[in-house]
Protein backbone atom coordinates (compact mmCIF):
# COMPACT_ATOMS: atom_id res chain seq x y z
CA MET A 1 108.85 62.00 58.05
CA ASP A 2 108.90 62.50 61.85
CA LYS A 3 109.79 65.92 63.14
CA LYS A 4 113.08 66.28 64.97
CA LYS A 5 113.07 66.46 68.78
CA TYR A 6 115.18 69.52 69.48
CA VAL A 7 117.08 70.42 72.66
CA VAL A 8 118.61 73.85 73.24
CA ALA A 9 121.38 74.55 75.75
CA ILE A 10 122.75 78.00 76.56
CA ASP A 11 125.95 78.57 78.52
CA VAL A 12 126.50 82.23 79.42
CA GLY A 13 130.19 82.41 80.30
CA SER A 14 132.44 85.26 81.34
CA SER A 15 133.81 85.76 77.85
CA GLU A 16 131.22 84.32 75.48
CA VAL A 17 127.68 83.04 75.10
CA VAL A 18 127.48 79.54 73.65
CA ILE A 19 124.23 78.18 72.24
CA ALA A 20 124.12 74.51 71.33
CA VAL A 21 121.18 73.07 69.42
CA GLY A 22 120.83 69.32 69.21
CA SER A 23 118.26 66.75 68.17
CA ILE A 24 117.53 63.48 69.95
CA ALA A 25 118.16 60.45 67.77
CA ASP A 26 116.12 57.23 68.05
CA SER A 27 119.11 55.64 69.78
CA GLY A 28 119.04 58.38 72.44
CA ALA A 29 122.28 59.93 71.23
CA ILE A 30 122.44 63.65 70.45
CA ASN A 31 122.98 64.95 66.96
CA ILE A 32 124.51 68.43 66.88
CA GLU A 33 122.50 70.79 64.69
CA THR A 34 124.60 73.88 65.36
CA ILE A 35 126.83 75.51 67.94
CA VAL A 36 127.18 79.27 68.08
CA ALA A 37 129.72 81.20 70.17
CA GLU A 38 129.21 84.95 70.55
CA PRO A 39 131.70 87.21 72.40
CA CYS A 40 130.16 88.56 75.61
CA GLU A 41 130.98 91.51 77.83
CA GLY A 42 129.18 92.41 81.05
CA MET A 43 130.01 89.20 82.96
CA LYS A 44 132.53 89.01 85.81
CA ALA A 45 133.46 85.61 87.27
CA GLY A 46 130.10 84.20 86.19
CA LEU A 47 128.02 87.06 87.61
CA VAL A 48 126.02 89.41 85.41
CA ASP A 49 127.58 92.85 85.84
CA ASN A 50 125.84 94.62 82.95
CA SER A 51 122.53 93.00 81.98
CA GLN A 52 122.10 95.04 78.81
CA MET A 53 125.44 94.01 77.34
CA VAL A 54 124.85 90.35 78.16
CA THR A 55 121.32 90.51 76.74
CA ASP A 56 122.60 91.98 73.50
CA SER A 57 125.17 89.17 73.14
CA LEU A 58 122.50 86.57 73.86
CA ARG A 59 120.21 88.06 71.24
CA ARG A 60 122.91 88.01 68.60
CA ALA A 61 123.81 84.41 69.44
CA ARG A 62 120.14 83.42 69.32
CA GLU A 63 119.62 84.97 65.90
CA ARG A 64 122.63 83.17 64.45
CA ALA A 65 121.63 79.83 66.02
CA GLU A 66 118.07 80.14 64.69
CA GLN A 67 119.22 80.85 61.17
CA GLN A 68 121.74 78.01 61.16
CA ALA A 69 119.43 75.40 62.78
CA GLY A 70 116.31 76.57 60.97
CA ILE A 71 114.24 76.89 64.16
CA ILE A 72 112.76 79.53 66.47
CA ILE A 73 114.27 79.31 69.98
CA THR A 74 111.73 80.03 72.74
CA ASP A 75 112.89 77.70 75.57
CA ALA A 76 116.33 76.52 76.69
CA ASP A 77 118.24 74.76 79.44
CA VAL A 78 120.68 77.13 81.13
CA SER A 79 123.81 76.76 83.27
CA ILE A 80 125.15 79.12 85.95
CA SER A 81 128.60 79.08 87.56
CA GLY A 82 130.36 81.27 90.13
CA LYS A 83 131.43 81.52 93.74
CA PHE A 84 127.76 82.17 94.55
CA VAL A 85 127.00 78.48 93.81
CA ARG A 86 127.82 75.93 96.53
CA CYS A 87 126.79 72.58 97.96
CA ALA A 88 125.74 71.70 101.54
CA ARG A 89 124.91 68.41 103.21
CA TYR A 90 121.93 67.68 105.42
CA THR A 91 121.20 64.40 107.28
CA ASP A 92 117.82 63.23 108.56
CA HIS A 93 116.10 59.93 109.40
CA VAL A 94 112.75 58.12 109.59
CA PHE A 95 111.60 55.06 111.52
CA VAL A 96 110.78 52.06 109.36
CA GLU A 97 107.07 51.21 109.35
CA ASP A 98 107.39 47.45 108.84
CA LYS A 99 107.19 45.40 112.07
CA GLU A 100 110.03 43.24 110.85
CA ALA A 101 112.10 46.39 110.15
CA CYS A 102 112.29 45.68 106.43
CA ILE A 103 112.85 48.95 104.58
CA SER A 104 110.37 49.66 101.79
CA GLN A 105 110.13 52.27 99.05
CA ARG A 106 107.53 53.99 101.21
CA ASP A 107 110.17 54.62 103.89
CA VAL A 108 112.57 56.02 101.29
CA ASN A 109 109.85 58.32 99.98
CA ALA A 110 109.03 59.48 103.51
CA LEU A 111 112.67 60.44 104.02
CA CYS A 112 112.72 62.29 100.74
CA GLU A 113 109.55 64.15 101.76
CA ARG A 114 111.26 65.32 104.94
CA MET A 115 114.07 66.74 102.83
CA ARG A 116 111.53 68.79 100.86
CA SER A 117 110.87 70.83 104.00
CA VAL A 118 114.52 71.88 104.36
CA LYS A 119 114.90 75.65 104.00
CA SER A 120 117.86 77.46 102.53
CA ALA A 121 119.61 80.36 104.19
CA ASP A 122 118.36 83.89 103.53
CA GLY A 123 119.46 85.11 100.13
CA GLU A 124 119.92 81.61 98.71
CA THR A 125 117.73 79.34 96.66
CA ILE A 126 117.85 75.54 96.39
CA MET A 127 118.57 74.52 92.82
CA ASP A 128 118.65 70.76 93.36
CA TYR A 129 118.94 68.10 96.06
CA TYR A 130 119.56 64.36 95.97
CA PRO A 131 120.67 61.53 98.33
CA ILE A 132 124.37 60.81 98.66
CA THR A 133 124.18 57.89 101.11
CA TYR A 134 121.65 55.76 102.98
CA LYS A 135 122.50 54.15 106.32
CA GLY A 136 120.80 51.87 108.83
CA THR A 137 121.24 51.81 112.62
CA SER A 138 124.51 49.90 112.20
CA GLY A 139 126.01 52.83 110.30
CA VAL A 140 126.79 50.72 107.24
CA GLU A 141 126.20 52.51 103.96
CA MET A 142 123.48 51.03 101.76
CA LYS A 143 123.44 51.78 98.07
CA ASN A 144 119.86 50.59 97.61
CA PRO A 145 118.12 50.47 101.01
CA VAL A 146 114.86 48.88 99.81
CA GLY A 147 114.72 45.30 101.13
CA CYS A 148 117.43 45.84 103.75
CA TYR A 149 116.65 45.41 107.46
CA SER A 150 116.98 48.24 109.97
CA PRO A 151 114.50 49.85 112.39
CA GLN A 152 115.71 53.25 111.29
CA LEU A 153 116.71 54.68 107.92
CA SER A 154 118.90 57.78 107.65
CA SER A 155 120.18 59.61 104.63
CA THR A 156 122.57 62.41 103.81
CA TYR A 157 121.36 64.66 101.02
CA ASN A 158 123.45 67.00 98.94
CA PHE A 159 121.81 70.40 98.37
CA ILE A 160 122.95 72.62 95.51
CA LEU A 161 122.49 76.27 96.49
CA CYS A 162 122.75 79.51 94.56
CA GLU A 163 122.56 83.11 95.73
CA HIS A 164 119.16 84.47 94.75
CA MET A 165 120.62 87.71 93.41
CA ALA A 166 122.96 85.98 90.95
CA LYS A 167 120.19 83.76 89.62
CA GLU A 168 117.71 86.61 89.22
CA ARG A 169 120.21 88.69 87.25
CA LEU A 170 120.62 85.91 84.75
CA VAL A 171 116.85 85.39 84.59
CA ARG A 172 116.50 89.09 83.70
CA VAL A 173 118.93 88.64 80.82
CA PHE A 174 116.95 85.76 79.35
CA MET A 175 113.67 87.62 79.73
CA GLY A 176 115.20 90.52 77.83
CA ALA A 177 116.21 88.16 75.03
CA GLY A 178 112.76 86.57 74.88
CA ILE A 179 113.91 83.10 75.99
CA LYS A 180 112.16 81.06 78.68
CA ILE A 181 114.46 79.11 81.02
CA ARG A 182 113.19 75.54 81.03
CA ASN A 183 115.73 74.16 83.54
CA PHE A 184 118.43 75.91 85.59
CA TYR A 185 121.58 73.92 86.42
CA ALA A 186 124.71 74.68 88.40
CA GLY A 187 127.56 74.26 85.92
CA ALA A 188 129.61 72.02 88.21
CA THR A 189 126.72 69.56 88.58
CA ILE A 190 126.43 68.86 84.87
CA ILE A 191 129.96 69.28 83.51
CA GLY A 192 130.74 65.57 83.92
CA GLU A 193 127.84 64.50 81.66
CA SER A 194 129.93 64.38 78.50
CA VAL A 195 133.45 63.61 79.77
CA VAL A 196 133.25 60.79 82.35
CA ASN A 197 131.41 57.47 82.18
CA SER A 198 129.53 55.52 84.86
CA ASP A 199 132.54 53.35 85.73
CA GLU A 200 134.71 56.40 86.38
CA ARG A 201 132.03 57.98 88.57
CA GLU A 202 131.79 54.73 90.53
CA ASP A 203 135.55 54.43 91.01
CA GLY A 204 136.02 58.10 91.91
CA VAL A 205 136.89 61.00 89.63
CA ALA A 206 137.20 64.78 89.80
CA VAL A 207 136.13 66.88 86.81
CA VAL A 208 137.69 70.33 86.53
CA ASP A 209 136.27 72.83 84.04
CA ILE A 210 138.68 75.72 83.52
CA GLY A 211 136.63 78.51 82.03
CA SER A 212 137.41 82.13 81.32
CA GLY A 213 136.15 83.68 84.57
CA VAL A 214 135.67 80.66 86.87
CA THR A 215 136.93 77.11 87.42
CA ASP A 216 134.30 74.51 88.37
CA VAL A 217 135.19 71.40 90.39
CA ALA A 218 132.97 68.30 90.65
CA VAL A 219 133.88 65.19 92.65
CA TYR A 220 132.18 61.86 91.96
CA TYR A 221 132.43 58.67 94.03
CA GLY A 222 130.26 55.59 94.26
CA GLY A 223 128.39 56.76 91.19
CA VAL A 224 127.17 59.92 92.95
CA LEU A 225 128.16 63.57 92.70
CA ARG A 226 129.57 64.15 96.20
CA TYR A 227 130.93 67.68 96.10
CA ILE A 228 131.07 70.79 93.95
CA ALA A 229 132.99 74.04 94.23
CA THR A 230 133.73 77.05 92.08
CA ILE A 231 137.00 78.98 92.08
CA PRO A 232 136.58 82.60 90.83
CA MET A 233 139.60 82.42 88.56
CA GLY A 234 140.13 81.15 85.06
CA GLY A 235 141.77 81.88 81.74
CA ALA A 236 140.97 85.61 81.86
CA VAL A 237 143.29 86.18 84.83
CA VAL A 238 146.08 84.47 82.91
CA ASN A 239 145.53 86.91 80.07
CA SER A 240 145.71 89.82 82.52
CA ASP A 241 149.02 88.52 83.85
CA ILE A 242 150.45 88.29 80.35
CA ARG A 243 149.42 91.88 79.59
CA ALA A 244 150.87 93.07 82.91
CA TYR A 245 154.17 91.43 81.96
CA ALA A 246 154.33 92.31 78.29
CA GLY A 247 152.66 95.70 78.59
CA THR A 248 151.71 96.64 75.07
CA ILE A 249 149.98 93.56 73.67
CA PRO A 250 146.31 94.16 72.74
CA PRO A 251 143.78 91.94 74.62
CA LYS A 252 142.69 89.95 71.55
CA THR A 253 146.27 89.32 70.55
CA VAL A 254 147.03 88.09 74.09
CA GLU A 255 144.41 85.36 73.73
CA THR A 256 145.87 84.33 70.38
CA LEU A 257 149.39 84.40 71.81
CA LYS A 258 148.39 82.21 74.78
CA ARG A 259 146.48 79.76 72.63
CA ARG A 260 149.16 79.33 69.99
CA TYR A 261 152.37 79.52 72.03
CA GLY A 262 151.34 79.31 75.71
CA SER A 263 152.62 76.48 77.92
CA ALA A 264 151.81 75.58 81.53
CA MET A 265 155.31 74.26 82.26
CA VAL A 266 158.51 76.17 81.62
CA GLU A 267 160.72 73.06 81.66
CA LEU A 268 158.78 71.62 78.72
CA THR A 269 158.81 74.80 76.64
CA PRO A 270 161.19 75.38 73.71
CA ASP A 271 163.52 78.37 73.60
CA GLU A 272 162.01 80.64 71.00
CA ARG A 273 161.40 84.31 70.50
CA ILE A 274 157.90 85.43 69.59
CA ASP A 275 157.52 88.41 67.29
CA ILE A 276 154.17 90.08 67.85
CA HIS A 277 152.23 92.18 65.37
CA SER A 278 149.01 94.13 65.70
CA GLY A 279 147.92 94.74 62.16
CA SER A 280 150.92 96.24 60.41
CA ARG A 281 152.40 97.51 63.69
CA ALA A 282 155.24 95.47 65.18
CA ILE A 283 155.12 95.07 68.99
CA LYS A 284 158.05 94.39 71.28
CA PRO A 285 158.85 90.62 71.05
CA ILE A 286 158.98 88.31 74.08
CA GLN A 287 160.66 85.00 74.83
CA ARG A 288 158.42 81.94 74.79
CA LEU A 289 160.11 80.77 78.02
CA ASN A 290 159.09 84.00 79.74
CA LEU A 291 155.52 83.61 78.49
CA ALA A 292 155.46 80.09 79.97
CA THR A 293 156.83 81.44 83.28
CA VAL A 294 153.92 83.86 83.58
CA ILE A 295 151.34 81.22 82.64
CA GLU A 296 152.80 78.53 84.92
CA ALA A 297 152.77 80.88 87.93
CA ARG A 298 149.03 81.58 87.64
CA MET A 299 147.93 78.11 86.51
CA SER A 300 149.87 76.60 89.44
CA GLU A 301 147.82 78.81 91.77
CA ILE A 302 144.57 77.64 90.17
CA ALA A 303 145.70 73.99 90.36
CA GLU A 304 146.53 74.41 94.07
CA TYR A 305 143.06 75.87 94.74
CA VAL A 306 141.49 72.98 92.85
CA TRP A 307 143.48 70.42 94.84
CA ALA A 308 142.49 72.18 98.11
CA GLU A 309 138.80 71.85 97.17
CA ILE A 310 139.23 68.17 96.28
CA ARG A 311 140.89 67.55 99.66
CA GLU A 312 138.05 69.49 101.34
CA SER A 313 135.58 67.11 99.75
CA GLY A 314 137.12 64.21 101.64
CA TYR A 315 137.69 62.13 98.53
CA ALA A 316 141.23 63.07 97.55
CA LYS A 317 142.44 59.53 98.29
CA LYS A 318 139.54 57.89 96.48
CA LEU A 319 140.04 59.15 92.95
CA ALA A 320 140.84 55.88 91.22
CA ALA A 321 139.95 57.46 87.87
CA GLY A 322 142.04 60.56 88.59
CA ILE A 323 141.30 64.12 87.47
CA VAL A 324 139.74 65.14 84.17
CA LEU A 325 140.45 68.63 82.86
CA THR A 326 138.19 70.37 80.36
CA GLY A 327 137.07 73.86 79.38
CA GLY A 328 138.91 76.48 77.36
CA GLY A 329 141.78 76.71 79.88
CA ALA A 330 142.49 73.00 79.42
CA SER A 331 143.69 73.71 75.88
CA LEU A 332 147.06 74.97 77.16
CA ASP A 333 150.03 72.82 76.32
CA HIS A 334 151.28 70.69 79.24
CA ILE A 335 148.35 71.69 81.52
CA ALA A 336 147.82 68.01 82.48
CA ASP A 337 151.52 67.72 83.37
CA LEU A 338 151.25 70.73 85.69
CA PHE A 339 148.15 69.41 87.49
CA GLN A 340 149.74 65.98 87.83
CA LYS A 341 152.85 67.54 89.34
CA ILE A 342 150.79 69.47 91.93
CA THR A 343 148.17 66.83 92.78
CA SER A 344 150.15 63.61 92.26
CA GLN A 345 147.05 62.22 90.56
CA GLU A 346 146.50 60.77 87.12
CA VAL A 347 145.36 63.70 84.98
CA ARG A 348 143.98 63.88 81.45
CA VAL A 349 142.40 66.50 79.24
CA SER A 350 139.04 65.60 77.71
CA CYS A 351 136.49 67.01 75.28
CA ALA A 352 132.81 66.12 75.07
CA GLU A 353 132.58 62.52 73.93
CA MET A 354 129.76 60.79 75.87
CA GLY A 355 126.26 60.62 74.42
CA ILE A 356 127.10 62.35 71.15
CA ALA A 357 126.30 60.76 67.81
CA THR A 358 129.45 59.48 66.11
CA GLU A 359 129.08 61.73 63.08
CA ALA A 360 128.95 64.82 65.34
CA LEU A 361 132.08 64.11 67.40
CA ASP A 362 134.39 66.12 65.16
CA TRP A 363 132.16 69.17 65.74
CA VAL A 364 132.75 69.12 69.53
CA SER A 365 136.45 68.35 69.57
CA SER A 366 137.38 71.50 71.54
CA PRO A 367 137.40 71.52 75.40
CA ASN A 368 135.78 74.97 75.52
CA LEU A 369 132.49 73.47 74.23
CA THR A 370 132.21 70.83 77.00
CA MET A 371 129.87 72.83 79.27
CA ALA A 372 127.38 73.51 76.48
CA ILE A 373 127.41 69.90 75.29
CA SER A 374 127.04 68.54 78.85
CA LEU A 375 124.09 70.88 79.34
CA LEU A 376 122.61 69.64 76.09
CA LEU A 377 122.86 66.03 77.29
CA ARG A 378 121.32 66.82 80.70
CA GLY A 379 118.49 68.73 79.03
CA ALA A 380 117.78 65.83 76.69
CA LYS A 381 117.02 63.64 79.73
CA THR A 382 113.98 65.81 80.47
CA GLY A 383 112.74 65.62 76.88
CA ALA A 384 112.61 67.87 73.87
CA CYS A 385 112.17 71.65 73.99
CA PRO A 386 109.07 73.31 72.50
CA ILE A 387 110.54 74.45 69.20
CA ARG A 388 109.01 75.84 66.01
CA GLU A 389 110.78 75.34 62.72
CA LEU A 390 111.46 78.31 60.48
CA GLN A 391 109.47 78.28 57.27
CA THR A 392 112.35 79.66 55.23
CA ALA A 393 115.13 78.48 53.00
CA ALA A 394 117.20 75.56 54.15
CA PRO A 395 119.55 76.53 57.01
CA SER A 396 123.30 76.46 56.84
CA LYS A 397 124.39 73.98 59.51
CA GLY A 398 127.68 73.95 61.30
CA ILE A 399 129.70 75.42 64.10
CA ALA A 400 130.00 79.18 64.18
CA VAL A 401 133.02 80.36 66.09
CA SER A 402 133.78 83.76 67.52
CA PRO A 403 134.81 86.56 65.20
CA ALA A 404 138.42 86.92 64.21
CA VAL A 405 140.93 88.69 66.42
CA GLU A 406 143.90 90.77 65.45
CA GLN A 407 146.88 89.41 63.62
CA GLY A 408 148.92 87.32 66.02
CA PRO A 409 152.56 86.74 66.81
CA SER A 410 155.14 84.77 64.92
CA VAL A 411 158.09 82.81 66.26
CA VAL A 412 161.81 83.04 65.62
CA THR A 413 164.44 80.81 67.18
CA PRO A 414 167.34 82.80 68.72
CA SER A 415 170.93 81.67 68.85
CA VAL A 416 171.42 83.16 72.34
CA GLN A 417 169.30 81.77 75.21
CA GLU A 418 167.65 84.34 77.44
CA GLU A 419 167.22 83.58 81.16
CA PRO A 420 163.48 83.31 82.00
CA GLN A 421 162.27 86.07 84.27
CA THR A 422 160.07 85.18 87.26
CA PRO A 423 157.23 87.65 87.63
CA SER A 424 156.37 89.07 91.03
CA ASN A 425 152.82 89.65 92.25
CA ASP A 426 153.13 93.39 91.90
CA ASN A 427 155.04 95.17 89.17
CA TRP A 428 156.73 93.00 86.57
CA SER A 429 159.59 94.50 84.67
CA GLU A 430 159.38 94.49 80.94
CA GLU A 431 161.75 92.32 79.00
CA SER A 432 164.93 93.86 77.68
CA GLU A 433 165.34 94.34 73.99
CA PRO A 434 166.27 91.03 72.28
CA MET A 435 169.64 90.68 70.60
CA GLU A 436 169.65 90.85 66.86
CA ASP A 437 170.77 87.62 65.28
CA ASP A 438 171.29 86.93 61.62
CA SER A 439 170.78 83.19 62.12
CA LYS A 440 167.22 83.42 63.42
CA ILE A 441 164.68 81.52 61.39
CA LYS A 442 161.56 83.51 60.51
CA VAL A 443 158.21 81.74 60.75
CA ASP A 444 155.15 83.14 59.01
CA ASP A 445 152.84 85.28 61.10
CA ILE A 446 150.18 83.14 62.74
CA GLU A 447 146.98 83.25 60.79
CA ASP A 448 144.04 85.31 61.81
CA LEU A 449 141.38 83.57 63.89
CA GLU A 450 139.08 84.34 61.04
CA GLU A 451 141.06 81.89 58.93
CA GLU A 452 140.98 79.38 61.78
CA SER A 453 137.22 79.90 61.90
CA GLU A 454 136.97 79.02 58.24
CA GLU A 455 138.87 75.78 58.87
CA ARG A 456 136.38 74.78 61.62
CA LYS A 457 133.48 75.68 59.42
CA SER A 458 134.86 73.38 56.76
CA HIS A 459 135.30 70.58 59.36
CA GLY A 460 132.67 67.83 58.98
CA ILE A 461 130.45 66.71 56.18
CA PHE A 462 128.36 69.87 55.92
CA GLY A 463 131.42 72.08 55.81
CA ARG A 464 133.00 69.97 53.08
CA LEU A 465 129.75 70.01 51.12
CA LYS A 466 129.63 73.79 51.42
CA THR A 467 133.24 74.09 50.23
CA SER A 468 132.64 71.85 47.21
CA LEU A 469 129.48 73.73 46.29
CA THR A 470 131.25 77.06 46.58
CA LYS A 471 134.04 75.90 44.26
CA PHE A 472 131.48 74.69 41.76
CA ILE A 473 129.57 77.98 41.74
CA ASP A 474 132.79 80.01 41.53
CA GLY A 475 133.87 77.95 38.57
CA ALA A 476 130.53 78.30 36.82
CA PHE A 477 130.14 82.03 37.29
CA LYS A 478 133.68 83.34 37.45
CA PRO A 479 134.07 86.59 35.49
CA GLU A 480 136.49 86.59 32.68
CA ASP A 481 138.73 89.23 34.36
CA GLY A 482 139.54 87.21 37.36
CA ASP A 483 139.00 86.98 47.70
CA GLU A 484 132.88 68.89 95.45
CA ASP A 485 132.12 64.53 103.79
CA VAL A 486 131.69 68.12 105.10
CA ASP A 487 128.59 69.42 106.90
CA ASP A 488 127.51 72.94 106.09
CA ASP A 489 124.84 74.91 107.93
CA PHE A 490 122.02 76.50 105.97
């Protein structure tokens, strides 16, 4: 039996480290072996702020991924995102050697060689570069210049740049965890791998990845990545706004509250009251309309920044395939409606779906896993990682989600509608005490994320097999007694 060709992708985000392990099938599709998400502190807007804390999280995630996939991780493909990553265009030309001015591959290679000599600005490093357009003396764009006639061949290349300091900090983290970085990619350059197809890239599409600390923007047109940008805001700032408004809600409960009852548009939100509990302690309830008001204010700001970057790219009027939203922040109810309202473009929310084996699709059905899966697909194009299999008992495969958070809020429907309050940018007043109403309908407290984790673990064939096996063992041994066209200088 042939050994599996493994690929390992690691996305170090502002709130969690995600390790995705996949194997390359004969068809070229990727089978998901395991996905591990480990909470991470020490990152701010994609930049390593405390290397020790991030290293510790990476080590824990690595250990879990190794046990579940049954391998030893030594090499991985890694993504990096933040305002320290940008793109810049550079144009140069060569004279065609052929006497009849017929462009050959040799001329194209000569132009590419000239681009190799381009230097980045002090403090920056070139992560990648590739041609966006080719043109002859007539100025007409040529998709494939070889065979065309022109005495001169010019090309505009897109350079992906990253501040040296930011990259080196992340390299230090991986060295501390004993993992060699095989390939380094800017997050915005690979996010589209698993959510848009070749036709959409040809027609024009913008991919927006709303993460915890940053929001990546990638603009494709003519089948080429034309522009990237990173906005240093994401889901974490929304959480901060909610806490500033509500005051006493614990951070973990805020995330649960936003995920379960958050909405990006007030006008599409039902009138309900949310009772919040932290353990056995009851916290001051808030109106769901007010929660939506806070979320819509901040998400509108992020959407406006995204639209500004798309306009800056010069392709705002060429997005025939519209805008694709992904990432953890894209899980909010009515987020596509909000972006469509602000951009006047066709908007949809997407999870990883391209290049994944059919039987593994239900494992990657959450937008927050898109970056890791896209990185996995890009890494697979360069071949398998050098992996050693563990000589131990058979691993337990499946998706491991983050640990459980505190008990979340529950909803009651009031008989008296409360006017939504619009938060200011400074101090937001706390909500007045809700009126008592005998007719309110109690809804059970939302379940702990630990329970939600168990549901995801039981999702898919391996999870169902594990559940059946557990029931069998319990029954057999149960005790009798009975729990991104703009020029940019380098």
